[in-house]
Protein backbone atom coordinates (compact mmCIF):
# COMPACT_ATOMS: atom_id res chain seq x y z
CA MET A 1 114.65 106.49 114.75
CA PRO A 2 111.97 106.60 111.78
CA HIS A 3 109.42 109.45 112.09
CA SER A 4 106.45 110.28 110.60
CA HIS A 5 106.94 113.10 108.14
CA ALA A 6 103.14 113.98 107.36
CA HIS A 7 99.89 113.06 108.28
CA SER A 8 97.61 110.58 106.38
CA ARG A 9 94.45 111.57 104.66
CA GLY A 10 92.33 109.24 106.89
CA GLN A 11 92.10 105.44 106.94
CA HIS A 12 89.81 104.09 104.65
CA ALA A 13 87.98 100.94 104.44
CA SER A 14 88.09 98.92 101.10
CA GLN A 15 84.70 97.72 99.31
CA GLU A 16 85.06 94.52 101.04
CA GLY A 17 85.15 96.13 104.50
CA SER A 18 89.32 95.19 104.73
CA ARG A 19 91.40 98.07 105.51
CA CYS A 20 94.33 98.21 102.92
CA LEU A 21 97.76 99.87 102.94
CA ALA A 22 100.00 100.67 100.10
CA ILE A 23 103.68 100.60 100.98
CA VAL A 24 105.79 102.61 98.87
CA PRO A 25 109.56 102.17 99.41
CA VAL A 26 111.63 104.98 97.69
CA PHE A 27 115.15 105.59 97.37
CA ASN A 28 116.16 108.50 95.08
CA GLU A 29 113.19 108.15 93.15
CA ARG A 30 112.61 111.91 92.69
CA GLY A 31 111.49 111.65 89.16
CA SER A 32 108.51 109.28 89.55
CA VAL A 33 107.54 109.03 93.37
CA GLY A 34 104.90 111.90 92.80
CA LYS A 35 103.30 110.55 89.92
CA VAL A 36 103.16 106.91 91.61
CA ILE A 37 101.25 108.23 94.46
CA GLU A 38 99.01 110.61 92.57
CA ARG A 39 98.01 107.70 90.61
CA LEU A 40 97.31 105.53 93.62
CA ARG A 41 95.29 107.97 95.47
CA ARG A 42 93.14 108.62 92.24
CA ALA A 43 92.46 105.13 91.32
CA LEU A 44 92.33 103.65 94.91
CA PRO A 45 90.70 106.26 97.21
CA ASP A 46 90.02 103.37 99.75
CA VAL A 47 93.61 102.41 100.16
CA ASP A 48 95.96 104.41 102.50
CA VAL A 49 99.27 105.13 101.06
CA LEU A 50 102.63 104.86 103.21
CA VAL A 51 105.94 106.22 101.65
CA ILE A 52 109.17 104.64 103.33
CA ASP A 53 112.02 107.07 102.31
CA ASP A 54 114.99 104.60 102.55
CA GLY A 55 117.68 107.45 103.34
CA SER A 56 117.45 109.40 100.12
CA THR A 57 120.15 111.71 99.20
CA ASP A 58 118.16 113.76 96.70
CA ASP A 59 114.93 115.74 96.97
CA THR A 60 112.79 112.66 96.81
CA LEU A 61 110.76 114.09 100.09
CA ARG A 62 110.00 117.28 98.31
CA GLN A 63 108.13 115.06 95.37
CA ILE A 64 105.73 113.41 97.81
CA PRO A 65 102.35 115.04 97.75
CA TYR A 66 100.99 116.69 100.84
CA GLY A 67 98.74 114.68 103.28
CA VAL A 68 100.65 111.45 102.45
CA THR A 69 102.19 109.52 105.42
CA VAL A 70 106.08 109.39 105.02
CA VAL A 71 108.63 107.19 107.56
CA SER A 72 111.84 108.73 106.88
CA LEU A 73 114.69 106.37 107.79
CA PRO A 74 117.71 108.15 109.11
CA PHE A 75 120.00 106.01 106.65
CA ASN A 76 119.55 103.56 103.88
CA LEU A 77 118.48 100.17 105.20
CA GLY A 78 117.94 98.48 101.96
CA ILE A 79 114.57 97.04 100.56
CA GLY A 80 114.43 94.43 103.48
CA GLY A 81 114.81 97.11 106.28
CA ALA A 82 112.33 99.45 104.37
CA MET A 83 109.68 96.81 103.79
CA GLN A 84 109.92 95.49 107.26
CA THR A 85 109.29 99.24 108.58
CA GLY A 86 106.20 99.21 106.33
CA TYR A 87 104.91 96.04 107.69
CA ARG A 88 105.42 97.01 111.32
CA TYR A 89 103.57 99.97 110.74
CA ALA A 90 100.62 97.97 108.98
CA ALA A 91 100.59 95.62 112.16
CA LEU A 92 100.62 98.32 114.66
CA HIS A 93 97.71 100.21 112.76
CA GLY A 94 95.77 97.00 112.22
CA TYR A 95 95.57 96.99 108.60
CA ASP A 96 94.15 93.65 106.93
CA ILE A 97 96.06 93.87 103.49
CA ALA A 98 99.43 95.51 102.76
CA VAL A 99 100.41 96.00 99.25
CA GLN A 100 104.16 96.59 98.07
CA VAL A 101 104.17 99.02 95.44
CA ASP A 102 107.45 100.36 94.02
CA GLY A 103 108.14 103.93 93.59
CA ASP A 104 109.77 103.82 90.27
CA GLY A 105 106.72 103.63 88.43
CA GLN A 106 106.61 100.03 87.25
CA HIS A 107 103.39 98.73 89.10
CA ARG A 108 100.07 100.07 87.76
CA PRO A 109 97.15 101.05 90.37
CA SER A 110 94.69 98.76 88.58
CA GLU A 111 96.77 95.77 89.07
CA VAL A 112 96.96 96.79 92.91
CA ARG A 113 93.29 96.47 93.14
CA ARG A 114 93.53 92.99 91.60
CA LEU A 115 96.23 91.89 94.02
CA ILE A 116 94.09 93.25 96.88
CA ASP A 117 91.08 91.51 95.76
CA HIS A 118 92.92 88.27 95.35
CA ILE A 119 93.87 88.54 99.11
CA ALA A 120 90.39 89.53 100.10
CA GLU A 121 88.83 86.59 98.64
CA GLY A 122 91.24 84.39 100.60
CA LYS A 123 92.83 82.48 97.51
CA SER A 124 96.31 83.29 98.97
CA GLU A 125 98.06 84.69 101.99
CA LEU A 126 100.83 86.21 99.97
CA VAL A 127 100.26 86.68 96.38
CA VAL A 128 103.20 87.87 93.94
CA GLY A 129 102.45 89.90 90.75
CA SER A 130 103.98 87.88 87.98
CA ARG A 131 105.23 89.41 84.62
CA PHE A 132 105.61 86.17 83.00
CA LEU A 133 102.90 83.99 84.32
CA GLU A 134 101.06 84.52 81.13
CA ALA A 135 102.86 85.33 77.84
CA THR A 136 100.70 87.93 76.21
CA PRO A 137 101.69 91.37 74.36
CA TYR A 138 100.90 93.45 77.79
CA THR A 139 103.00 91.17 80.21
CA THR A 140 106.03 91.03 77.73
CA TYR A 141 108.64 92.37 79.66
CA ARG A 142 112.13 93.32 78.67
CA GLN A 143 115.16 92.04 80.73
CA THR A 144 118.75 91.68 80.30
CA VAL A 145 120.44 88.40 79.37
CA ILE A 146 121.94 88.41 82.94
CA ARG A 147 118.63 88.96 84.69
CA ARG A 148 116.66 86.45 82.76
CA ALA A 149 119.13 83.74 83.25
CA GLY A 150 119.41 84.87 87.08
CA ALA A 151 115.39 84.57 87.33
CA PHE A 152 115.53 80.99 85.84
CA MET A 153 117.79 79.86 88.36
CA LEU A 154 116.26 81.40 91.29
CA ARG A 155 112.98 79.92 89.97
CA ALA A 156 114.42 76.48 89.61
CA SER A 157 115.94 76.61 93.07
CA ILE A 158 112.75 77.34 94.53
CA ARG A 159 110.90 74.58 92.58
CA LEU A 160 113.30 72.23 93.81
CA LEU A 161 113.13 73.10 97.30
CA THR A 162 109.55 73.64 97.64
CA GLY A 163 107.75 72.17 94.72
CA LEU A 164 106.24 75.77 94.20
CA THR A 165 106.47 77.21 90.44
CA ILE A 166 106.50 80.86 90.95
CA THR A 167 107.55 82.32 87.72
CA ASP A 168 108.51 85.80 88.85
CA CYS A 169 110.20 84.93 92.31
CA THR A 170 112.32 88.45 92.19
CA SER A 171 108.98 90.57 91.82
CA GLY A 172 108.35 93.21 94.52
CA PHE A 173 104.87 93.78 93.28
CA ARG A 174 102.94 91.65 96.08
CA ALA A 175 100.01 91.79 98.68
CA ALA A 176 100.11 89.99 102.01
CA ASN A 177 97.13 89.38 104.55
CA ARG A 178 97.03 89.93 108.18
CA ARG A 179 98.88 86.99 109.10
CA VAL A 180 101.80 87.58 106.65
CA ILE A 181 101.77 91.02 107.89
CA ARG A 182 102.57 89.85 111.38
CA ALA A 183 105.02 87.60 110.29
CA PHE A 184 107.14 90.13 108.11
CA ALA A 185 106.90 92.61 111.14
CA HIS A 186 108.40 90.25 113.26
CA TRP A 187 111.25 89.37 111.01
CA TYR A 188 112.03 90.13 107.43
CA PRO A 189 115.25 89.22 105.11
CA GLU A 190 117.31 92.13 104.72
CA ASP A 191 119.10 91.59 101.39
CA TYR A 192 116.69 91.31 98.43
CA PRO A 193 113.90 89.31 100.23
CA GLU A 194 111.54 88.57 97.49
CA PRO A 195 112.58 84.95 96.67
CA GLU A 196 113.62 84.01 100.31
CA VAL A 197 110.05 84.90 101.93
CA ILE A 198 108.43 82.75 99.10
CA LEU A 199 110.36 79.80 100.42
CA LEU A 200 109.98 80.56 104.08
CA LEU A 201 106.18 81.14 104.09
CA HIS A 202 105.74 77.95 102.40
CA ARG A 203 107.82 75.90 104.81
CA ALA A 204 105.81 77.83 107.67
CA GLY A 205 102.59 76.78 106.36
CA TYR A 206 101.18 79.88 104.61
CA ARG A 207 99.45 79.72 101.10
CA VAL A 208 101.65 81.56 98.61
CA GLY A 209 100.07 82.20 95.31
CA GLU A 210 100.76 84.27 91.96
CA LEU A 211 98.71 86.37 89.62
CA HIS A 212 99.79 87.59 86.30
CA VAL A 213 99.91 91.40 86.07
CA LYS A 214 100.72 94.17 83.65
CA MET A 215 103.80 96.34 84.69
CA ARG A 216 105.55 98.96 82.94
CA GLN A 217 109.10 99.38 82.17
CA ARG A 218 111.21 101.20 84.79
CA GLN A 219 110.60 104.95 84.36
CA SER A 220 113.38 106.56 86.26
CA GLY A 221 115.93 106.19 89.15
CA ARG A 222 118.09 103.22 89.23
CA SER A 223 117.60 99.65 90.20
CA SER A 224 119.03 98.11 93.20
CA ILE A 225 120.66 95.37 91.14
CA GLY A 226 123.12 96.17 88.60
CA VAL A 227 124.40 94.14 85.88
CA LEU A 228 128.02 93.55 87.32
CA SER A 229 126.41 92.41 90.52
CA GLY A 230 123.78 90.17 88.92
CA ALA A 231 125.82 87.08 89.06
CA PHE A 232 126.96 87.49 92.66
CA TYR A 233 123.19 88.29 93.46
CA VAL A 234 122.21 85.09 92.15
CA LEU A 235 124.98 83.19 94.18
CA LYS A 236 124.20 84.76 97.31
CA VAL A 237 120.49 84.24 97.21
CA THR A 238 120.80 80.70 96.32
CA THR A 239 123.16 80.08 99.10
CA CYS A 240 120.52 81.86 101.33
CA LEU A 241 117.62 79.61 100.03
CA ALA A 242 119.65 76.50 100.95
CA LEU A 243 120.06 77.93 104.49
CA ASP A 244 116.56 78.81 104.76
CA MET A 245 115.84 75.40 104.75
CA VAL A 246 116.93 74.93 108.36
CA ARG A 247 115.55 78.57 109.47
CA LYS A 248 112.39 79.17 111.48
CA PRO A 249 112.20 82.88 111.45
CA TRP A 250 108.28 83.22 112.37
CA PRO A 251 107.68 81.04 115.71
CA HIS A 252 103.83 80.08 116.20
CA GLU A 253 104.09 81.34 119.72
CA LYS A 254 105.12 85.13 118.48
CA ILE A 255 102.97 85.52 115.44
CA GLY A 256 100.17 82.79 115.82
CA GLY A 257 96.87 83.52 117.46
CA PRO A 258 92.99 83.45 116.69
CA GLN A 259 93.01 87.25 115.79
CA ASP A 260 95.31 86.13 112.71
CA ILE A 261 93.21 83.29 111.31
CA PRO A 262 89.83 83.00 109.65
CA LEU A 263 86.73 82.44 112.07
CA ALA A 264 86.25 78.98 110.67
CA GLU A 265 90.02 78.00 111.64
CA ALA A 266 89.68 79.74 114.75
CA ALA A 267 86.29 78.03 115.84
CA ALA A 268 87.97 74.74 115.02
CA ALA A 269 91.04 75.56 117.06
CA ALA A 270 88.60 76.36 119.84
CA ALA A 271 86.82 73.17 119.75
CA ALA A 272 89.97 71.34 119.50
CA ALA A 273 91.31 73.00 122.53
CA ALA A 274 87.94 72.42 124.41
CA ALA A 275 88.05 68.57 123.70
CA ALA A 276 91.77 68.29 124.68
CA LYS A 277 90.92 70.06 128.07
CA SER A 278 87.89 67.93 128.52
CA SER A 279 90.03 64.84 127.75
CA SER A 280 92.70 65.86 130.20
CA ALA A 281 90.06 66.85 133.02
CA ALA A 282 88.81 63.16 132.64
CA GLU A 283 92.10 61.59 132.52
CA GLU A 284 92.92 63.28 135.89
CA ALA A 285 89.54 62.32 137.53
CA ALA A 286 90.27 58.66 136.41
CA ARG A 287 93.75 58.84 138.36
CA GLY A 288 91.94 60.18 141.33
CA ILE A 289 94.11 63.45 141.26
CA TYR A 290 90.73 65.55 142.07
CA ASP A 291 87.76 64.66 143.53
CA ALA A 292 84.73 65.94 145.87
CA GLU A 293 86.93 66.11 149.05
CA GLU A 294 89.71 67.82 146.95
CA PRO A 295 88.34 69.57 143.99
CA HIS A 296 90.25 71.34 141.29
CA PRO A 297 91.45 74.68 142.67
CA ALA A 298 90.72 76.57 139.42
CA ALA A 299 87.36 77.98 140.50
CA ALA A 300 88.31 79.06 143.87
CA TRP A 301 91.34 80.76 142.07
CA ARG A 302 88.77 82.58 139.87
CA GLY A 303 86.74 83.96 142.78
CA SER A 304 87.23 87.42 144.51
CA ALA A 305 90.03 87.82 147.21
CA ALA A 306 88.76 87.64 150.67
CA PRO A 307 89.35 90.92 152.65
CA GLY A 308 92.47 91.04 154.69
CA ARG A 309 93.52 92.29 157.88
CA PRO A 310 95.79 95.47 158.64
CA ALA A 311 99.46 94.58 158.71
CA SER A 312 99.90 96.56 162.11
CA PRO A 313 97.55 97.91 164.70
CA GLN A 314 95.97 100.92 164.08
CA VAL A 315 97.73 104.06 165.63
């Protein structure tokens, strides 16, 4: 069972009043994880950091600075299981925004702040940091031919199925608001979930957006997707995207609720519920179900219970 490896340095509030969590999944990232965390803590002191060690077999845990909260998984679950663990932690501790930051050093802390601000301003409920949204010298990112072709096919598939144009659908650099955190805590794809959740969130009515970001080339460790497995990966994800058109992983009764939507939407929902209730009461009165002689029992049920009698005579 996952356990906490260290204590956090406190739960901070961001400048906007939202509690933010940076989730850092790692697997054998001993060469970069320490630098990544130190940069995050130095650049974003108001953001809590959570490291999910996905069953590393090297000394990755020894490289994590003291005072950072670590959830150590007993064996490798893959990026899907690691990230769902992070989202469950965020949901249980009441965070408003959660950001996925890879432990290999690609994601810059300055860009983490921009993703957080994008969510805090209500522009999207899930925002994807894209390396390719704007072609500039700073966003030019080197990829192999196989990866580039695979990204193009997945981008085309998502656009065909949803109408969304997400230029970097395989990017793991993304931020989510409270509603999406709760959805991901309930269910999250296991294998290479980045493209799948874009389609699933869009179908479920969530607002998915994209923001251009600067990324570094991978500094150390190895990618979870090798060159030889690239073709199989694209085939598998494309098949999953087609199947996701009939999947409903986030039922409203399990992840919805007034606490997960903006106040304006909550007020509108409450007003609609009150109107429906009064309309129902009027219909019942018109049909003569309840009247002065036989009033609605709800008021009596809400009252205090009358004192009862002893079940047997006192001895």
